Amino acid sequence: MIDMITLPDVSPDMIANNLAPFEPTHPGEIIKDELEARQITQARLAESIGVSASLVNEIIRGKRGIGTEMALLLEAAIDLPADMLLNLQNAYNKQVAKSDVSFMQRLSAIRNIAAML
């Protein structure tokens, strides 16, 4: 096992494993890249999984999230693992929530109340 080295002047937020991307990655970006690599249109994907082309477009543009059923449909159609898409969506949602200042203030207030219980 490797011992952790403590650097006195380095904030834990600046350690590579603790860094969050500047912009979170929406699973739609991965789907878009996959479609481009396979030369599949959004309309063709939508038709193959039985949803509207506008729904696929909203996902690809990051305007709509991916739920379990959509992840399973995409896995069947373009072989992107559903678990990977769901984990990516969850990480995206979490990072977006953490970047919301008012929400983080609300969390802090709840933590303060809970600490007194």
PDB file of N, CA and C in Angstrom:
ATOM      1  N   MET A   1       0.841  -1.185   0.000  1.00  0.00           N
ATOM      2  CA  MET A   1       0.000   0.000   0.000  1.00  0.00           C
ATOM      3  C   MET A   1       0.882   1.242   0.000  1.00  0.00           C
ATOM      4  N   ILE A   2       0.492   2.234  -0.755  1.00  0.00           N
ATOM      5  CA  ILE A   2       1.261   3.466  -0.870  1.00  0.00           C
ATOM      6  C   ILE A   2       0.827   4.421   0.227  1.00  0.00           C
ATOM      7  N   ASP A   3       1.810   4.997   0.933  1.00  0.00           N
ATOM      8  CA  ASP A   3       1.510   5.989   1.955  1.00  0.00           C
ATOM      9  C   ASP A   3       1.156   7.310   1.292  1.00  0.00           C
ATOM     10  N   MET A   4       0.196   7.994   1.864  1.00  0.00           N
ATOM     11  CA  MET A   4      -0.183   9.303   1.351  1.00  0.00           C
ATOM     12  C   MET A   4       0.854  10.322   1.790  1.00  0.00           C
ATOM     13  N   ILE A   5       1.285  11.138   0.876  1.00  0.00           N
ATOM     14  CA  ILE A   5       2.224  12.196   1.182  1.00  0.00           C
ATOM     15  C   ILE A   5       1.419  13.461   1.437  1.00  0.00           C
ATOM     16  N   THR A   6       1.679  14.085   2.555  1.00  0.00           N
ATOM     17  CA  THR A   6       0.975  15.307   2.890  1.00  0.00           C
ATOM     18  C   THR A   6       1.842  16.492   2.495  1.00  0.00           C
ATOM     19  N   LEU A   7       1.306  17.334   1.655  1.00  0.00           N
ATOM     20  CA  LEU A   7       1.995  18.544   1.250  1.00  0.00           C
ATOM     21  C   LEU A   7       1.382  19.705   2.017  1.00  0.00           C
ATOM     22  N   PRO A   8       2.162  20.401   2.814  1.00  0.00           N
ATOM     23  CA  PRO A   8       1.596  21.407   3.724  1.00  0.00           C
ATOM     24  C   PRO A   8       0.890  22.572   3.039  1.00  0.00           C
ATOM     25  N   ASP A   9       1.329  22.973   1.869  1.00  0.00           N
ATOM     26  CA  ASP A   9       0.750  24.153   1.229  1.00  0.00           C
ATOM     27  C   ASP A   9      -0.216  23.833   0.098  1.00  0.00           C
ATOM     28  N   VAL A  10      -0.666  22.565   0.001  1.00  0.00           N
ATOM     29  CA  VAL A  10      -1.543  22.167  -1.084  1.00  0.00           C
ATOM     30  C   VAL A  10      -2.940  21.910  -0.530  1.00  0.00           C
ATOM     31  N   SER A  11      -3.885  22.641  -1.077  1.00  0.00           N
ATOM     32  CA  SER A  11      -5.279  22.467  -0.680  1.00  0.00           C
ATOM     33  C   SER A  11      -5.796  21.132  -1.211  1.00  0.00           C
ATOM     34  N   PRO A  12      -6.603  20.402  -0.442  1.00  0.00           N
ATOM     35  CA  PRO A  12      -7.174  19.144  -0.939  1.00  0.00           C
ATOM     36  C   PRO A  12      -7.971  19.324  -2.226  1.00  0.00           C
ATOM     37  N   ASP A  13      -8.506  20.542  -2.439  1.00  0.00           N
ATOM     38  CA  ASP A  13      -9.258  20.818  -3.665  1.00  0.00           C
ATOM     39  C   ASP A  13      -8.375  20.856  -4.906  1.00  0.00           C
ATOM     40  N   MET A  14      -7.076  20.966  -4.715  1.00  0.00           N
ATOM     41  CA  MET A  14      -6.153  21.067  -5.838  1.00  0.00           C
ATOM     42  C   MET A  14      -5.479  19.741  -6.176  1.00  0.00           C
ATOM     43  N   ILE A  15      -5.810  18.689  -5.459  1.00  0.00           N
ATOM     44  CA  ILE A  15      -5.268  17.374  -5.763  1.00  0.00           C
ATOM     45  C   ILE A  15      -6.062  16.801  -6.931  1.00  0.00           C
ATOM     46  N   ALA A  16      -5.360  16.227  -7.903  1.00  0.00           N
ATOM     47  CA  ALA A  16      -5.988  15.806  -9.161  1.00  0.00           C
ATOM     48  C   ALA A  16      -7.235  14.960  -8.962  1.00  0.00           C
ATOM     49  N   ASN A  17      -7.235  14.035  -8.036  1.00  0.00           N
ATOM     50  CA  ASN A  17      -8.392  13.163  -7.843  1.00  0.00           C
ATOM     51  C   ASN A  17      -9.594  13.903  -7.264  1.00  0.00           C
ATOM     52  N   ASN A  18      -9.374  15.083  -6.739  1.00  0.00           N
ATOM     53  CA  ASN A  18     -10.460  15.843  -6.135  1.00  0.00           C
ATOM     54  C   ASN A  18     -10.984  16.956  -7.033  1.00  0.00           C
ATOM     55  N   LEU A  19     -10.374  17.137  -8.197  1.00  0.00           N
ATOM     56  CA  LEU A  19     -10.783  18.215  -9.087  1.00  0.00           C
ATOM     57  C   LEU A  19     -12.049  17.854  -9.856  1.00  0.00           C
ATOM     58  N   ALA A  20     -12.935  18.823  -9.995  1.00  0.00           N
ATOM     59  CA  ALA A  20     -14.131  18.653 -10.826  1.00  0.00           C
ATOM     60  C   ALA A  20     -13.867  19.363 -12.149  1.00  0.00           C
ATOM     61  N   PRO A  21     -14.371  18.832 -13.250  1.00  0.00           N
ATOM     62  CA  PRO A  21     -14.165  19.514 -14.522  1.00  0.00           C
ATOM     63  C   PRO A  21     -14.800  20.900 -14.501  1.00  0.00           C
ATOM     64  N   PHE A  22     -14.237  21.807 -15.296  1.00  0.00           N
ATOM     65  CA  PHE A  22     -14.775  23.160 -15.371  1.00  0.00           C
ATOM     66  C   PHE A  22     -16.238  23.119 -15.785  1.00  0.00           C
ATOM     67  N   GLU A  23     -16.525  22.326 -16.794  1.00  0.00           N
ATOM     68  CA  GLU A  23     -17.898  22.111 -17.223  1.00  0.00           C
ATOM     69  C   GLU A  23     -18.188  20.623 -17.115  1.00  0.00           C
ATOM     70  N   PRO A  24     -19.307  20.264 -16.492  1.00  0.00           N
ATOM     71  CA  PRO A  24     -19.627  18.839 -16.395  1.00  0.00           C
ATOM     72  C   PRO A  24     -19.924  18.243 -17.772  1.00  0.00           C
ATOM     73  N   THR A  25     -19.638  16.968 -17.924  1.00  0.00           N
ATOM     74  CA  THR A  25     -19.878  16.280 -19.192  1.00  0.00           C
ATOM     75  C   THR A  25     -21.246  15.617 -19.152  1.00  0.00           C
ATOM     76  N   HIS A  26     -22.114  16.071 -20.021  1.00  0.00           N
ATOM     77  CA  HIS A  26     -23.450  15.479 -20.145  1.00  0.00           C
ATOM     78  C   HIS A  26     -23.328  14.231 -21.010  1.00  0.00           C
ATOM     79  N   PRO A  27     -24.065  13.162 -20.701  1.00  0.00           N
ATOM     80  CA  PRO A  27     -23.981  11.946 -21.513  1.00  0.00           C
ATOM     81  C   PRO A  27     -24.332  12.178 -22.983  1.00  0.00           C
ATOM     82  N   GLY A  28     -25.082  13.235 -23.275  1.00  0.00           N
ATOM     83  CA  GLY A  28     -25.408  13.555 -24.654  1.00  0.00           C
ATOM     84  C   GLY A  28     -24.163  13.801 -25.499  1.00  0.00           C
ATOM     85  N   GLU A  29     -23.100  14.325 -24.880  1.00  0.00           N
ATOM     86  CA  GLU A  29     -21.852  14.552 -25.617  1.00  0.00           C
ATOM     87  C   GLU A  29     -21.244  13.232 -26.069  1.00  0.00           C
ATOM     88  N   ILE A  30     -21.309  12.227 -25.233  1.00  0.00           N
ATOM     89  CA  ILE A  30     -20.768  10.904 -25.563  1.00  0.00           C
ATOM     90  C   ILE A  30     -21.600  10.278 -26.685  1.00  0.00           C
ATOM     91  N   ILE A  31     -22.916  10.410 -26.567  1.00  0.00           N
ATOM     92  CA  ILE A  31     -23.812   9.870 -27.588  1.00  0.00           C
ATOM     93  C   ILE A  31     -23.566  10.561 -28.931  1.00  0.00           C
ATOM     94  N   LYS A  32     -23.414  11.870 -28.898  1.00  0.00           N
ATOM     95  CA  LYS A  32     -23.145  12.632 -30.118  1.00  0.00           C
ATOM     96  C   LYS A  32     -21.866  12.134 -30.787  1.00  0.00           C
ATOM     97  N   ASP A  33     -20.800  11.977 -29.997  1.00  0.00           N
ATOM     98  CA  ASP A  33     -19.529  11.489 -30.542  1.00  0.00           C
ATOM     99  C   ASP A  33     -19.679  10.095 -31.146  1.00  0.00           C
ATOM    100  N   GLU A  34     -20.435   9.256 -30.470  1.00  0.00           N
ATOM    101  CA  GLU A  34     -20.637   7.886 -30.958  1.00  0.00           C
ATOM    102  C   GLU A  34     -21.415   7.887 -32.276  1.00  0.00           C
ATOM    103  N   LEU A  35     -22.446   8.704 -32.346  1.00  0.00           N
ATOM    104  CA  LEU A  35     -23.229   8.787 -33.585  1.00  0.00           C
ATOM    105  C   LEU A  35     -22.370   9.301 -34.739  1.00  0.00           C
ATOM    106  N   GLU A  36     -21.563  10.307 -34.480  1.00  0.00           N
ATOM    107  CA  GLU A  36     -20.680  10.850 -35.519  1.00  0.00           C
ATOM    108  C   GLU A  36     -19.681   9.800 -35.983  1.00  0.00           C
ATOM    109  N   ALA A  37     -19.102   9.070 -35.037  1.00  0.00           N
ATOM    110  CA  ALA A  37     -18.117   8.039 -35.393  1.00  0.00           C
ATOM    111  C   ALA A  37     -18.742   6.938 -36.242  1.00  0.00           C
ATOM    112  N   ARG A  38     -20.007   6.626 -35.976  1.00  0.00           N
ATOM    113  CA  ARG A  38     -20.688   5.562 -36.719  1.00  0.00           C
ATOM    114  C   ARG A  38     -21.464   6.094 -37.923  1.00  0.00           C
ATOM    115  N   GLN A  39     -21.446   7.393 -38.095  1.00  0.00           N
ATOM    116  CA  GLN A  39     -22.192   8.048 -39.170  1.00  0.00           C
ATOM    117  C   GLN A  39     -23.683   7.690 -39.126  1.00  0.00           C
ATOM    118  N   ILE A  40     -24.237   7.810 -37.930  1.00  0.00           N
ATOM    119  CA  ILE A  40     -25.665   7.566 -37.706  1.00  0.00           C
ATOM    120  C   ILE A  40     -26.309   8.917 -37.399  1.00  0.00           C
ATOM    121  N   THR A  41     -27.410   9.215 -38.058  1.00  0.00           N
ATOM    122  CA  THR A  41     -28.101  10.475 -37.785  1.00  0.00           C
ATOM    123  C   THR A  41     -28.936  10.353 -36.519  1.00  0.00           C
ATOM    124  N   GLN A  42     -29.231  11.503 -35.932  1.00  0.00           N
ATOM    125  CA  GLN A  42     -30.110  11.519 -34.765  1.00  0.00           C
ATOM    126  C   GLN A  42     -31.477  10.955 -35.125  1.00  0.00           C
ATOM    127  N   ALA A  43     -31.963  11.289 -36.307  1.00  0.00           N
ATOM    128  CA  ALA A  43     -33.275  10.809 -36.749  1.00  0.00           C
ATOM    129  C   ALA A  43     -33.282   9.289 -36.865  1.00  0.00           C
ATOM    130  N   ARG A  44     -32.207   8.736 -37.396  1.00  0.00           N
ATOM    131  CA  ARG A  44     -32.126   7.275 -37.547  1.00  0.00           C
ATOM    132  C   ARG A  44     -32.075   6.594 -36.181  1.00  0.00           C
ATOM    133  N   LEU A  45     -31.306   7.159 -35.259  1.00  0.00           N
ATOM    134  CA  LEU A  45     -31.256   6.601 -33.904  1.00  0.00           C
ATOM    135  C   LEU A  45     -32.639   6.660 -33.264  1.00  0.00           C
ATOM    136  N   ALA A  46     -33.284   7.828 -33.372  1.00  0.00           N
ATOM    137  CA  ALA A  46     -34.612   8.002 -32.779  1.00  0.00           C
ATOM    138  C   ALA A  46     -35.597   6.976 -33.319  1.00  0.00           C
ATOM    139  N   GLU A  47     -35.570   6.784 -34.622  1.00  0.00           N
ATOM    140  CA  GLU A  47     -36.472   5.814 -35.238  1.00  0.00           C
ATOM    141  C   GLU A  47     -36.178   4.402 -34.745  1.00  0.00           C
ATOM    142  N   SER A  48     -34.910   4.069 -34.623  1.00  0.00           N
ATOM    143  CA  SER A  48     -34.544   2.701 -34.225  1.00  0.00           C
ATOM    144  C   SER A  48     -34.931   2.381 -32.784  1.00  0.00           C
ATOM    145  N   ILE A  49     -35.001   3.405 -31.924  1.00  0.00           N
ATOM    146  CA  ILE A  49     -35.370   3.135 -30.527  1.00  0.00           C
ATOM    147  C   ILE A  49     -36.795   3.546 -30.202  1.00  0.00           C
ATOM    148  N   GLY A  50     -37.512   4.075 -31.210  1.00  0.00           N
ATOM    149  CA  GLY A  50     -38.932   4.378 -31.036  1.00  0.00           C
ATOM    150  C   GLY A  50     -39.232   5.623 -30.233  1.00  0.00           C
ATOM    151  N   VAL A  51     -38.392   6.649 -30.380  1.00  0.00           N
ATOM    152  CA  VAL A  51     -38.661   7.926 -29.714  1.00  0.00           C
ATOM    153  C   VAL A  51     -38.599   9.034 -30.768  1.00  0.00           C
ATOM    154  N   SER A  52     -39.002  10.223 -30.381  1.00  0.00           N
ATOM    155  CA  SER A  52     -38.979  11.335 -31.334  1.00  0.00           C
ATOM    156  C   SER A  52     -37.548  11.822 -31.557  1.00  0.00           C
ATOM    157  N   ALA A  53     -37.328  12.353 -32.749  1.00  0.00           N
ATOM    158  CA  ALA A  53     -36.023  12.919 -33.070  1.00  0.00           C
ATOM    159  C   ALA A  53     -35.726  14.125 -32.183  1.00  0.00           C
ATOM    160  N   SER A  54     -36.764  14.856 -31.807  1.00  0.00           N
ATOM    161  CA  SER A  54     -36.545  16.019 -30.935  1.00  0.00           C
ATOM    162  C   SER A  54     -36.065  15.593 -29.546  1.00  0.00           C
ATOM    163  N   LEU A  55     -36.536  14.452 -29.062  1.00  0.00           N
ATOM    164  CA  LEU A  55     -36.071  13.941 -27.771  1.00  0.00           C
ATOM    165  C   LEU A  55     -34.584  13.602 -27.841  1.00  0.00           C
ATOM    166  N   VAL A  56     -34.174  12.896 -28.875  1.00  0.00           N
ATOM    167  CA  VAL A  56     -32.764  12.559 -29.049  1.00  0.00           C
ATOM    168  C   VAL A  56     -31.931  13.834 -29.154  1.00  0.00           C
ATOM    169  N   ASN A  57     -32.413  14.815 -29.907  1.00  0.00           N
ATOM    170  CA  ASN A  57     -31.691  16.069 -30.057  1.00  0.00           C
ATOM    171  C   ASN A  57     -31.547  16.803 -28.728  1.00  0.00           C
ATOM    172  N   GLU A  58     -32.595  16.809 -27.911  1.00  0.00           N
ATOM    173  CA  GLU A  58     -32.532  17.466 -26.601  1.00  0.00           C
ATOM    174  C   GLU A  58     -31.509  16.785 -25.694  1.00  0.00           C
ATOM    175  N   ILE A  59     -31.428  15.469 -25.768  1.00  0.00           N
ATOM    176  CA  ILE A  59     -30.433  14.738 -24.974  1.00  0.00           C
ATOM    177  C   ILE A  59     -29.031  15.094 -25.450  1.00  0.00           C
ATOM    178  N   ILE A  60     -28.824  15.062 -26.747  1.00  0.00           N
ATOM    179  CA  ILE A  60     -27.505  15.343 -27.312  1.00  0.00           C
ATOM    180  C   ILE A  60     -27.063  16.770 -27.007  1.00  0.00           C
ATOM    181  N   ARG A  61     -27.996  17.711 -26.981  1.00  0.00           N
ATOM    182  CA  ARG A  61     -27.652  19.100 -26.670  1.00  0.00           C
ATOM    183  C   ARG A  61     -27.551  19.354 -25.169  1.00  0.00           C
ATOM    184  N   GLY A  62     -27.803  18.323 -24.347  1.00  0.00           N
ATOM    185  CA  GLY A  62     -27.706  18.479 -22.900  1.00  0.00           C
ATOM    186  C   GLY A  62     -28.883  19.186 -22.277  1.00  0.00           C
ATOM    187  N   LYS A  63     -29.986  19.275 -23.017  1.00  0.00           N
ATOM    188  CA  LYS A  63     -31.188  19.946 -22.518  1.00  0.00           C
ATOM    189  C   LYS A  63     -32.096  18.995 -21.748  1.00  0.00           C
ATOM    190  N   ARG A  64     -31.855  17.697 -21.899  1.00  0.00           N
ATOM    191  CA  ARG A  64     -32.669  16.682 -21.231  1.00  0.00           C
ATOM    192  C   ARG A  64     -31.735  15.591 -20.730  1.00  0.00           C
ATOM    193  N   GLY A  65     -32.066  15.054 -19.568  1.00  0.00           N
ATOM    194  CA  GLY A  65     -31.257  13.993 -18.985  1.00  0.00           C
ATOM    195  C   GLY A  65     -31.650  12.621 -19.501  1.00  0.00           C
ATOM    196  N   ILE A  66     -30.851  11.653 -19.089  1.00  0.00           N
ATOM    197  CA  ILE A  66     -31.091  10.262 -19.483  1.00  0.00           C
ATOM    198  C   ILE A  66     -31.546   9.484 -18.255  1.00  0.00           C
ATOM    199  N   GLY A  67     -32.667   8.802 -18.406  1.00  0.00           N
ATOM    200  CA  GLY A  67     -33.160   7.932 -17.356  1.00  0.00           C
ATOM    201  C   GLY A  67     -32.824   6.479 -17.677  1.00  0.00           C
ATOM    202  N   THR A  68     -33.261   5.591 -16.833  1.00  0.00           N
ATOM    203  CA  THR A  68     -32.939   4.172 -16.971  1.00  0.00           C
ATOM    204  C   THR A  68     -33.428   3.593 -18.288  1.00  0.00           C
ATOM    205  N   GLU A  69     -34.674   3.854 -18.650  1.00  0.00           N
ATOM    206  CA  GLU A  69     -35.215   3.283 -19.883  1.00  0.00           C
ATOM    207  C   GLU A  69     -34.463   3.780 -21.113  1.00  0.00           C
ATOM    208  N   MET A  70     -34.179   5.077 -21.146  1.00  0.00           N
ATOM    209  CA  MET A  70     -33.444   5.633 -22.285  1.00  0.00           C
ATOM    210  C   MET A  70     -32.041   5.039 -22.345  1.00  0.00           C
ATOM    211  N   ALA A  71     -31.394   4.896 -21.206  1.00  0.00           N
ATOM    212  CA  ALA A  71     -30.055   4.310 -21.183  1.00  0.00           C
ATOM    213  C   ALA A  71     -30.077   2.882 -21.727  1.00  0.00           C
ATOM    214  N   LEU A  72     -31.103   2.120 -21.376  1.00  0.00           N
ATOM    215  CA  LEU A  72     -31.211   0.748 -21.879  1.00  0.00           C
ATOM    216  C   LEU A  72     -31.498   0.725 -23.382  1.00  0.00           C
ATOM    217  N   LEU A  73     -32.328   1.653 -23.853  1.00  0.00           N
ATOM    218  CA  LEU A  73     -32.595   1.744 -25.293  1.00  0.00           C
ATOM    219  C   LEU A  73     -31.316   2.087 -26.063  1.00  0.00           C
ATOM    220  N   LEU A  74     -30.559   3.034 -25.538  1.00  0.00           N
ATOM    221  CA  LEU A  74     -29.316   3.428 -26.198  1.00  0.00           C
ATOM    222  C   LEU A  74     -28.289   2.303 -26.169  1.00  0.00           C
ATOM    223  N   GLU A  75     -28.244   1.576 -25.078  1.00  0.00           N
ATOM    224  CA  GLU A  75     -27.328   0.433 -24.991  1.00  0.00           C
ATOM    225  C   GLU A  75     -27.659  -0.596 -26.069  1.00  0.00           C
ATOM    226  N   ALA A  76     -28.945  -0.853 -26.252  1.00  0.00           N
ATOM    227  CA  ALA A  76     -29.364  -1.826 -27.259  1.00  0.00           C
ATOM    228  C   ALA A  76     -29.060  -1.337 -28.675  1.00  0.00           C
ATOM    229  N   ALA A  77     -29.207  -0.035 -28.904  1.00  0.00           N
ATOM    230  CA  ALA A  77     -29.057   0.504 -30.262  1.00  0.00           C
ATOM    231  C   ALA A  77     -27.607   0.771 -30.656  1.00  0.00           C
ATOM    232  N   ILE A  78     -26.829   1.359 -29.745  1.00  0.00           N
ATOM    233  CA  ILE A  78     -25.470   1.762 -30.131  1.00  0.00           C
ATOM    234  C   ILE A  78     -24.394   1.206 -29.203  1.00  0.00           C
ATOM    235  N   ASP A  79     -24.782   0.272 -28.354  1.00  0.00           N
ATOM    236  CA  ASP A  79     -23.839  -0.489 -27.530  1.00  0.00           C
ATOM    237  C   ASP A  79     -23.020   0.368 -26.565  1.00  0.00           C
ATOM    238  N   LEU A  80     -23.593   1.475 -26.104  1.00  0.00           N
ATOM    239  CA  LEU A  80     -22.973   2.217 -25.009  1.00  0.00           C
ATOM    240  C   LEU A  80     -23.563   1.655 -23.722  1.00  0.00           C
ATOM    241  N   PRO A  81     -22.738   1.215 -22.784  1.00  0.00           N
ATOM    242  CA  PRO A  81     -23.267   0.587 -21.569  1.00  0.00           C
ATOM    243  C   PRO A  81     -24.230   1.510 -20.810  1.00  0.00           C
ATOM    244  N   ALA A  82     -25.393   0.968 -20.482  1.00  0.00           N
ATOM    245  CA  ALA A  82     -26.410   1.741 -19.769  1.00  0.00           C
ATOM    246  C   ALA A  82     -25.873   2.252 -18.436  1.00  0.00           C
ATOM    247  N   ASP A  83     -25.126   1.409 -17.726  1.00  0.00           N
ATOM    248  CA  ASP A  83     -24.581   1.835 -16.432  1.00  0.00           C
ATOM    249  C   ASP A  83     -23.648   3.024 -16.586  1.00  0.00           C
ATOM    250  N   MET A  84     -22.845   3.029 -17.634  1.00  0.00           N
ATOM    251  CA  MET A  84     -21.932   4.143 -17.868  1.00  0.00           C
ATOM    252  C   MET A  84     -22.719   5.431 -18.118  1.00  0.00           C
ATOM    253  N   LEU A  85     -23.763   5.341 -18.960  1.00  0.00           N
ATOM    254  CA  LEU A  85     -24.571   6.522 -19.255  1.00  0.00           C
ATOM    255  C   LEU A  85     -25.274   7.042 -18.001  1.00  0.00           C
ATOM    256  N   LEU A  86     -25.802   6.130 -17.197  1.00  0.00           N
ATOM    257  CA  LEU A  86     -26.492   6.535 -15.970  1.00  0.00           C
ATOM    258  C   LEU A  86     -25.525   7.132 -14.958  1.00  0.00           C
ATOM    259  N   ASN A  87     -24.339   6.543 -14.835  1.00  0.00           N
ATOM    260  CA  ASN A  87     -23.336   7.092 -13.924  1.00  0.00           C
ATOM    261  C   ASN A  87     -22.879   8.477 -14.381  1.00  0.00           C
ATOM    262  N   LEU A  88     -22.714   8.645 -15.679  1.00  0.00           N
ATOM    263  CA  LEU A  88     -22.331   9.936 -16.220  1.00  0.00           C
ATOM    264  C   LEU A  88     -23.422  10.976 -15.980  1.00  0.00           C
ATOM    265  N   GLN A  89     -24.671  10.585 -16.165  1.00  0.00           N
ATOM    266  CA  GLN A  89     -25.791  11.495 -15.908  1.00  0.00           C
ATOM    267  C   GLN A  89     -25.834  11.872 -14.435  1.00  0.00           C
ATOM    268  N   ASN A  90     -25.629  10.895 -13.555  1.00  0.00           N
ATOM    269  CA  ASN A  90     -25.639  11.157 -12.123  1.00  0.00           C
ATOM    270  C   ASN A  90     -24.519  12.125 -11.738  1.00  0.00           C
ATOM    271  N   ALA A  91     -23.321  11.903 -12.271  1.00  0.00           N
ATOM    272  CA  ALA A  91     -22.186  12.793 -11.986  1.00  0.00           C
ATOM    273  C   ALA A  91     -22.467  14.198 -12.513  1.00  0.00           C
ATOM    274  N   TYR A  92     -23.062  14.279 -13.692  1.00  0.00           N
ATOM    275  CA  TYR A  92     -23.423  15.572 -14.283  1.00  0.00           C
ATOM    276  C   TYR A  92     -24.422  16.309 -13.381  1.00  0.00           C
ATOM    277  N   ASN A  93     -25.469  15.600 -12.973  1.00  0.00           N
ATOM    278  CA  ASN A  93     -26.495  16.207 -12.116  1.00  0.00           C
ATOM    279  C   ASN A  93     -25.891  16.695 -10.807  1.00  0.00           C
ATOM    280  N   LYS A  94     -25.014  15.885 -10.235  1.00  0.00           N
ATOM    281  CA  LYS A  94     -24.394  16.231  -8.961  1.00  0.00           C
ATOM    282  C   LYS A  94     -23.509  17.469  -9.108  1.00  0.00           C
ATOM    283  N   GLN A  95     -22.724  17.526 -10.165  1.00  0.00           N
ATOM    284  CA  GLN A  95     -21.852  18.681 -10.355  1.00  0.00           C
ATOM    285  C   GLN A  95     -22.654  19.949 -10.623  1.00  0.00           C
ATOM    286  N   VAL A  96     -23.730  19.833 -11.382  1.00  0.00           N
ATOM    287  CA  VAL A  96     -24.588  20.993 -11.640  1.00  0.00           C
ATOM    288  C   VAL A  96     -25.192  21.489 -10.321  1.00  0.00           C
ATOM    289  N   ALA A  97     -25.650  20.561  -9.485  1.00  0.00           N
ATOM    290  CA  ALA A  97     -26.228  20.947  -8.192  1.00  0.00           C
ATOM    291  C   ALA A  97     -25.180  21.626  -7.316  1.00  0.00           C
ATOM    292  N   LYS A  98     -23.958  21.094  -7.310  1.00  0.00           N
ATOM    293  CA  LYS A  98     -22.899  21.673  -6.481  1.00  0.00           C
ATOM    294  C   LYS A  98     -22.444  23.038  -6.974  1.00  0.00           C
ATOM    295  N   SER A  99     -22.707  23.356  -8.218  1.00  0.00           N
ATOM    296  CA  SER A  99     -22.319  24.667  -8.738  1.00  0.00           C
ATOM    297  C   SER A  99     -23.411  25.715  -8.515  1.00  0.00           C
ATOM    298  N   ASP A 100     -24.548  25.302  -7.985  1.00  0.00           N
ATOM    299  CA  ASP A 100     -25.655  26.204  -7.683  1.00  0.00           C
ATOM    300  C   ASP A 100     -25.433  26.794  -6.285  1.00  0.00           C
ATOM    301  N   VAL A 101     -25.058  28.063  -6.236  1.00  0.00           N
ATOM    302  CA  VAL A 101     -24.687  28.716  -4.986  1.00  0.00           C
ATOM    303  C   VAL A 101     -25.831  28.677  -3.972  1.00  0.00           C
ATOM    304  N   SER A 102     -27.044  28.982  -4.389  1.00  0.00           N
ATOM    305  CA  SER A 102     -28.158  29.008  -3.437  1.00  0.00           C
ATOM    306  C   SER A 102     -28.448  27.611  -2.889  1.00  0.00           C
ATOM    307  N   PHE A 103     -28.311  26.603  -3.731  1.00  0.00           N
ATOM    308  CA  PHE A 103     -28.518  25.233  -3.240  1.00  0.00           C
ATOM    309  C   PHE A 103     -27.436  24.845  -2.233  1.00  0.00           C
ATOM    310  N   MET A 104     -26.199  25.227  -2.510  1.00  0.00           N
ATOM    311  CA  MET A 104     -25.107  24.900  -1.594  1.00  0.00           C
ATOM    312  C   MET A 104     -25.278  25.637  -0.261  1.00  0.00           C
ATOM    313  N   GLN A 105     -25.807  26.850  -0.288  1.00  0.00           N
ATOM    314  CA  GLN A 105     -26.096  27.565   0.955  1.00  0.00           C
ATOM    315  C   GLN A 105     -27.185  26.846   1.742  1.00  0.00           C
ATOM    316  N   ARG A 106     -28.159  26.353   1.028  1.00  0.00           N
ATOM    317  CA  ARG A 106     -29.244  25.591   1.668  1.00  0.00           C
ATOM    318  C   ARG A 106     -28.692  24.323   2.321  1.00  0.00           C
ATOM    319  N   LEU A 107     -27.805  23.610   1.608  1.00  0.00           N
ATOM    320  CA  LEU A 107     -27.178  22.412   2.171  1.00  0.00           C
ATOM    321  C   LEU A 107     -26.378  22.744   3.424  1.00  0.00           C
ATOM    322  N   SER A 108     -25.642  23.834   3.373  1.00  0.00           N
ATOM    323  CA  SER A 108     -24.841  24.248   4.516  1.00  0.00           C
ATOM    324  C   SER A 108     -25.732  24.521   5.725  1.00  0.00           C
ATOM    325  N   ALA A 109     -26.840  25.190   5.498  1.00  0.00           N
ATOM    326  CA  ALA A 109     -27.772  25.482   6.584  1.00  0.00           C
ATOM    327  C   ALA A 109     -28.338  24.194   7.176  1.00  0.00           C
ATOM    328  N   ILE A 110     -28.660  23.236   6.320  1.00  0.00           N
ATOM    329  CA  ILE A 110     -29.195  21.953   6.801  1.00  0.00           C
ATOM    330  C   ILE A 110     -28.139  21.215   7.607  1.00  0.00           C
ATOM    331  N   ARG A 111     -26.893  21.243   7.137  1.00  0.00           N
ATOM    332  CA  ARG A 111     -25.806  20.581   7.870  1.00  0.00           C
ATOM    333  C   ARG A 111     -25.610  21.214   9.239  1.00  0.00           C
ATOM    334  N   ASN A 112     -25.715  22.538   9.309  1.00  0.00           N
ATOM    335  CA  ASN A 112     -25.581  23.217  10.593  1.00  0.00           C
ATOM    336  C   ASN A 112     -26.687  22.811  11.549  1.00  0.00           C
ATOM    337  N   ILE A 113     -27.901  22.716  11.049  1.00  0.00           N
ATOM    338  CA  ILE A 113     -29.033  22.298  11.883  1.00  0.00           C
ATOM    339  C   ILE A 113     -28.837  20.854  12.329  1.00  0.00           C
ATOM    340  N   ALA A 114     -28.439  19.999  11.414  1.00  0.00           N
ATOM    341  CA  ALA A 114     -28.237  18.579  11.732  1.00  0.00           C
ATOM    342  C   ALA A 114     -27.113  18.397  12.748  1.00  0.00           C
ATOM    343  N   ALA A 115     -26.106  19.240  12.708  1.00  0.00           N
ATOM    344  CA  ALA A 115     -24.985  19.133  13.648  1.00  0.00           C
ATOM    345  C   ALA A 115     -25.438  19.441  15.076  1.00  0.00           C
ATOM    346  N   MET A 116     -26.489  20.217  15.204  1.00  0.00           N
ATOM    347  CA  MET A 116     -26.995  20.564  16.540  1.00  0.00           C
ATOM    348  C   MET A 116     -27.935  19.506  17.097  1.00  0.00           C
ATOM    349  N   LEU A 117     -28.373  18.593  16.298  1.00  0.00           N
ATOM    350  CA  LEU A 117     -29.323  17.573  16.760  1.00  0.00           C
ATOM    351  C   LEU A 117     -28.639  16.521  17.596  1.00  0.00           C
TER     352      LEU A 117
END
